[in-house]
N, C-alpha and C. Protein backbone atom coordinates (compact mmCIF):
# COMPACT_ATOMS: atom_id res chain seq x y z
N UNK A 1 146.74 110.93 171.29
CA UNK A 1 146.72 110.20 172.74
C UNK A 1 145.98 108.73 173.29
N UNK A 2 147.09 107.94 174.14
CA UNK A 2 146.31 106.62 173.93
C UNK A 2 146.00 106.75 175.70
N UNK A 3 145.39 105.61 176.06
CA UNK A 3 143.86 105.92 177.55
C UNK A 3 145.24 104.98 177.62
N UNK A 4 145.50 105.43 178.95
CA UNK A 4 146.67 104.38 180.02
C UNK A 4 145.87 103.09 180.17
N UNK A 5 147.13 101.96 180.38
CA UNK A 5 147.00 100.95 180.84
C UNK A 5 146.46 100.41 182.40
N UNK A 6 145.80 99.54 182.71
CA UNK A 6 145.67 99.02 183.90
C UNK A 6 146.77 99.48 185.02
N UNK A 7 147.84 98.93 184.74
CA UNK A 7 149.28 98.24 185.24
C UNK A 7 149.58 100.07 185.66
N UNK A 8 149.63 100.96 184.42
CA UNK A 8 149.94 102.46 184.41
C UNK A 8 149.24 103.19 185.72
N UNK A 9 147.80 102.38 185.56
CA UNK A 9 146.95 103.43 186.36
C UNK A 9 147.16 102.61 187.96
N UNK A 10 147.06 101.58 187.83
CA UNK A 10 147.77 100.80 189.71
C UNK A 10 148.41 101.35 189.90
N UNK A 11 149.61 101.51 189.28
CA UNK A 11 150.71 102.14 189.39
C UNK A 11 150.68 103.58 190.16
N UNK A 12 150.24 104.16 189.62
CA UNK A 12 149.21 105.78 189.95
C UNK A 12 148.87 105.50 190.86
N UNK A 13 147.83 105.29 191.19
CA UNK A 13 147.22 104.70 192.73
C UNK A 13 148.10 104.64 193.45
N UNK A 14 149.42 103.48 193.61
CA UNK A 14 150.26 103.35 194.38
C UNK A 14 151.07 104.07 194.90
N UNK A 15 151.40 104.69 193.99
CA UNK A 15 152.20 106.10 194.47
C UNK A 15 151.80 106.77 194.91
N UNK A 16 150.30 107.65 194.92
CA UNK A 16 149.69 108.56 195.06
C UNK A 16 148.70 107.98 196.51
N UNK A 17 148.92 106.80 197.54
CA UNK A 17 148.52 106.18 198.61
C UNK A 17 149.94 106.61 199.20
N UNK A 18 151.00 106.37 198.62
CA UNK A 18 152.42 106.42 199.08
C UNK A 18 152.33 107.87 199.33
N UNK A 19 151.85 108.58 198.66
CA UNK A 19 152.13 109.98 198.87
C UNK A 19 150.95 110.40 199.58
N UNK A 20 149.61 109.54 199.55
CA UNK A 20 148.75 110.25 201.13
C UNK A 20 149.31 109.96 202.23
N UNK A 21 149.75 108.40 202.92
CA UNK A 21 150.02 108.17 203.83
C UNK A 21 151.42 108.84 204.04
N UNK A 22 152.95 109.24 203.25
CA UNK A 22 153.44 110.62 204.23
C UNK A 22 152.81 111.28 204.50
N UNK A 23 152.18 112.08 203.76
CA UNK A 23 150.92 113.31 204.55
C UNK A 23 150.37 114.01 205.39
N UNK A 24 149.72 112.63 205.15
CA UNK A 24 149.11 112.05 206.78
C UNK A 24 150.24 111.49 208.69
N UNK A 25 151.63 111.52 207.66
CA UNK A 25 152.81 110.98 208.71
C UNK A 25 152.87 112.44 209.33
N UNK A 26 153.59 112.84 208.12
CA UNK A 26 154.20 114.13 208.52
C UNK A 26 153.01 115.33 209.20
N UNK A 27 151.42 115.54 208.99
CA UNK A 27 150.76 116.46 209.28
C UNK A 27 150.93 116.27 211.03
N UNK A 28 150.86 114.17 211.14
CA UNK A 28 150.14 114.21 212.45
C UNK A 28 151.27 114.49 213.51
N UNK A 29 152.75 114.07 212.74
CA UNK A 29 153.57 114.65 213.19
C UNK A 29 154.28 116.27 213.56
N UNK A 30 153.95 116.97 212.80
CA UNK A 30 153.80 118.18 213.77
C UNK A 30 152.44 118.25 214.63
N UNK A 31 151.50 118.01 214.49
CA UNK A 31 150.39 118.24 215.02
C UNK A 31 151.13 117.59 216.70
N UNK A 32 151.93 116.79 216.31
CA UNK A 32 152.10 116.16 218.08
C UNK A 32 153.20 116.95 218.47
N UNK A 33 154.29 117.94 217.92
CA UNK A 33 154.67 119.20 218.01
C UNK A 33 154.62 119.94 218.40
N UNK A 34 153.47 120.83 217.69
CA UNK A 34 152.61 121.80 217.99
C UNK A 34 151.88 121.63 219.83
N UNK A 35 151.37 120.46 219.65
CA UNK A 35 150.17 120.04 221.23
C UNK A 35 151.80 119.96 222.57
N UNK A 36 152.68 119.50 222.20
CA UNK A 36 154.11 119.49 222.88
C UNK A 36 154.46 120.79 223.21
N UNK A 37 154.64 121.85 222.17
CA UNK A 37 155.06 122.99 222.35
C UNK A 37 154.11 123.64 223.36
N UNK A 38 153.00 123.53 222.80
CA UNK A 38 151.90 124.22 223.76
C UNK A 38 151.74 124.20 225.65
N UNK A 39 152.76 122.68 225.45
CA UNK A 39 152.50 122.08 227.16
C UNK A 39 153.71 122.75 227.62
N UNK A 40 154.46 122.54 226.78
CA UNK A 40 156.09 122.58 227.47
C UNK A 40 155.59 124.38 228.03
N UNK A 41 155.03 124.72 227.21
CA UNK A 41 154.93 126.57 226.89
C UNK A 41 153.94 126.94 228.96
N UNK A 42 152.79 126.52 228.97
CA UNK A 42 152.32 126.43 229.82
C UNK A 42 152.02 125.61 230.33
N UNK A 43 152.94 124.39 230.55
CA UNK A 43 153.55 124.04 232.07
C UNK A 43 152.74 122.39 232.24
N UNK A 44 151.81 122.07 231.01
CA UNK A 44 150.00 121.66 230.98
C UNK A 44 151.03 119.63 231.11
N UNK A 45 150.04 118.97 232.22
CA UNK A 45 150.19 117.54 231.89
C UNK A 45 148.91 117.58 231.41
N UNK A 46 149.54 115.62 230.73
CA UNK A 46 147.85 115.05 230.72
C UNK A 46 147.15 115.13 231.25
N UNK A 47 147.11 115.21 232.41
CA UNK A 47 146.25 114.90 233.76
C UNK A 47 145.42 116.51 233.25
N UNK A 48 146.26 117.78 233.35
CA UNK A 48 145.53 118.91 233.22
C UNK A 48 144.95 118.87 232.01
N UNK A 49 144.95 117.99 230.96
CA UNK A 49 143.87 118.67 229.62
C UNK A 49 142.70 117.34 229.38
N UNK A 50 143.00 116.48 230.36
CA UNK A 50 141.62 116.15 230.28
C UNK A 50 141.84 114.70 230.15
N UNK A 51 143.38 113.78 230.08
CA UNK A 51 143.42 113.13 229.04
C UNK A 51 143.38 111.64 230.46
N UNK A 52 142.84 110.89 229.07
CA UNK A 52 142.88 109.56 229.83
C UNK A 52 143.37 108.82 229.63
N UNK A 53 143.41 107.15 229.86
CA UNK A 53 144.08 105.96 229.12
C UNK A 53 143.08 105.59 228.85
N UNK A 54 143.33 104.84 227.16
CA UNK A 54 142.29 104.30 226.46
C UNK A 54 141.00 104.12 227.19
N UNK A 55 140.00 104.00 226.65
CA UNK A 55 138.96 103.49 227.23
C UNK A 55 139.01 101.69 227.28
N UNK A 56 138.54 101.38 228.24
CA UNK A 56 138.30 99.73 227.94
C UNK A 56 137.43 99.16 226.78
N UNK A 57 138.16 98.43 225.69
CA UNK A 57 136.93 98.19 224.90
C UNK A 57 135.65 97.29 225.89
N UNK A 58 134.25 97.56 225.39
CA UNK A 58 132.67 97.02 226.00
C UNK A 58 133.26 95.02 225.47
N UNK A 59 132.70 94.72 226.94
CA UNK A 59 132.88 93.42 226.95
C UNK A 59 131.78 92.87 226.42
N UNK A 60 131.58 93.28 224.84
CA UNK A 60 131.06 92.48 223.38
C UNK A 60 131.56 91.08 223.29
N UNK A 61 130.49 89.85 223.86
CA UNK A 61 130.61 88.44 223.55
C UNK A 61 130.75 88.03 225.13
N UNK A 62 130.28 88.50 225.79
CA UNK A 62 131.08 88.16 227.42
C UNK A 62 129.75 87.00 227.37
N UNK A 63 130.23 85.83 227.74
CA UNK A 63 129.02 85.68 228.68
C UNK A 63 128.02 85.53 229.74
N UNK A 64 126.94 85.26 229.67
CA UNK A 64 125.56 85.70 230.55
C UNK A 64 125.80 84.48 231.45
N UNK A 65 126.32 84.65 232.58
CA UNK A 65 125.32 83.07 233.33
C UNK A 65 123.74 82.34 232.61
N UNK A 66 124.04 81.12 233.50
CA UNK A 66 121.90 80.43 232.41
C UNK A 66 121.97 81.51 233.95
N UNK A 67 119.75 81.25 233.69
CA UNK A 67 118.83 81.48 234.15
C UNK A 67 118.23 79.90 234.13
N UNK A 68 118.05 79.57 233.10
CA UNK A 68 116.92 78.18 233.25
C UNK A 68 118.17 77.76 232.30
N UNK A 69 117.33 75.81 232.71
CA UNK A 69 118.54 74.84 232.73
C UNK A 69 117.53 73.81 231.62
N UNK A 70 117.59 72.76 230.42
CA UNK A 70 116.98 72.29 230.40
C UNK A 70 117.09 70.77 231.20
N UNK A 71 116.21 70.22 232.65
CA UNK A 71 116.69 69.56 232.68
C UNK A 71 117.11 67.77 232.73
N UNK A 72 116.11 67.91 231.18
CA UNK A 72 116.28 66.06 230.29
C UNK A 72 118.47 66.59 229.28
N UNK A 73 118.25 67.82 228.85
CA UNK A 73 119.52 67.65 228.31
C UNK A 73 120.40 68.08 229.17
N UNK A 74 120.43 68.69 230.03
CA UNK A 74 121.45 69.82 230.47
C UNK A 74 121.45 71.62 229.77
N UNK A 75 121.29 71.70 228.40
CA UNK A 75 120.99 72.91 227.72
C UNK A 75 120.60 74.08 228.90
N UNK A 76 121.19 74.90 228.52
CA UNK A 76 120.95 76.43 229.32
C UNK A 76 120.62 77.39 227.83
N UNK A 77 119.83 78.05 229.49
CA UNK A 77 119.20 79.74 228.56
C UNK A 77 120.22 80.68 229.63
N UNK A 78 120.35 82.29 228.43
CA UNK A 78 120.42 82.99 229.51
C UNK A 78 119.43 83.91 229.67
N UNK A 79 118.28 84.21 229.37
CA UNK A 79 116.93 85.00 229.07
C UNK A 79 117.64 86.11 228.46
N UNK A 80 118.24 85.96 227.76
CA UNK A 80 118.55 87.18 226.77
C UNK A 80 118.38 86.49 225.42
N UNK A 81 118.38 87.01 223.82
CA UNK A 81 117.65 86.45 222.77
C UNK A 81 116.40 85.81 222.70
N UNK A 82 116.36 85.53 221.74
CA UNK A 82 115.40 84.39 221.74
C UNK A 82 115.83 82.98 222.49
N UNK A 83 114.02 83.04 222.44
CA UNK A 83 113.67 81.17 223.78
C UNK A 83 114.67 80.61 222.51
N UNK A 84 114.95 79.27 223.46
CA UNK A 84 115.60 78.32 222.38
C UNK A 84 114.15 77.43 221.75
N UNK A 85 113.71 76.07 221.18
CA UNK A 85 113.53 75.45 220.67
C UNK A 85 112.88 74.51 222.12
N UNK A 86 113.70 73.84 223.07
CA UNK A 86 113.73 73.05 224.02
C UNK A 86 112.94 74.05 224.87
N UNK A 87 112.70 75.03 225.10
CA UNK A 87 111.96 76.40 225.86
C UNK A 87 110.54 76.52 225.67
N UNK A 88 110.63 76.57 224.22
CA UNK A 88 109.37 77.10 223.92
C UNK A 88 108.36 76.05 223.04
N UNK A 89 108.74 74.11 223.21
CA UNK A 89 107.88 73.64 223.34
C UNK A 89 107.77 73.48 224.42
N UNK A 90 108.57 73.04 225.94
CA UNK A 90 108.41 72.94 226.45
C UNK A 90 106.97 74.07 227.27
N UNK A 91 107.37 75.36 227.12
CA UNK A 91 105.99 76.42 227.09
C UNK A 91 104.49 76.14 226.91
N UNK A 92 104.97 74.98 225.21
CA UNK A 92 103.52 75.28 224.59
C UNK A 92 103.04 74.03 225.44
N UNK A 93 103.43 72.83 225.70
CA UNK A 93 103.36 71.72 226.14
C UNK A 93 102.43 72.45 227.29
N UNK A 94 102.65 73.54 228.29
CA UNK A 94 101.86 73.62 229.05
C UNK A 94 102.84 73.83 230.42
N UNK A 95 104.20 73.72 229.99
CA UNK A 95 105.24 73.89 231.16
C UNK A 95 105.31 75.79 231.54
N UNK A 96 106.17 75.77 232.92
CA UNK A 96 106.09 77.57 233.08
C UNK A 96 107.83 77.51 233.06
N UNK A 97 107.74 78.98 232.50
CA UNK A 97 109.24 79.15 232.90
C UNK A 97 109.84 78.88 233.78
N UNK A 98 109.34 79.39 235.54
CA UNK A 98 109.77 78.94 236.51
C UNK A 98 110.35 78.06 236.61
N UNK A 99 109.61 76.70 235.54
CA UNK A 99 109.96 75.60 236.00
C UNK A 99 111.45 74.84 235.38
N UNK A 100 111.67 75.66 234.51
CA UNK A 100 112.97 75.53 233.94
C UNK A 100 114.28 76.31 234.88
N UNK A 101 114.06 77.50 236.21
CA UNK A 101 114.93 78.64 236.20
C UNK A 101 116.01 77.54 237.81
N UNK A 102 117.17 78.37 237.11
CA UNK A 102 118.60 77.80 237.30
C UNK A 102 118.23 78.10 239.38
């Protein structure tokens, strides 16, 4: 008995992945049909089962207003995360954070 080739194994893998996708699609359709039948049987609506619209995605990466500004260059910092180099060097030079407040 000879070892299967890579091409044969990849073909088997593709066939299995297709079977898995088909089975998932069928099981999902069956589940939806069961839920709809139960809802119809008991006269339920989406509001009755506490379903809401999909929640809005969190505002990842949303810009935050600047709290500090470098008057020399116009560079800003929101006060979040690491202090920028221009602010660190100014603070090390004796200036206060309030000097840069917007």
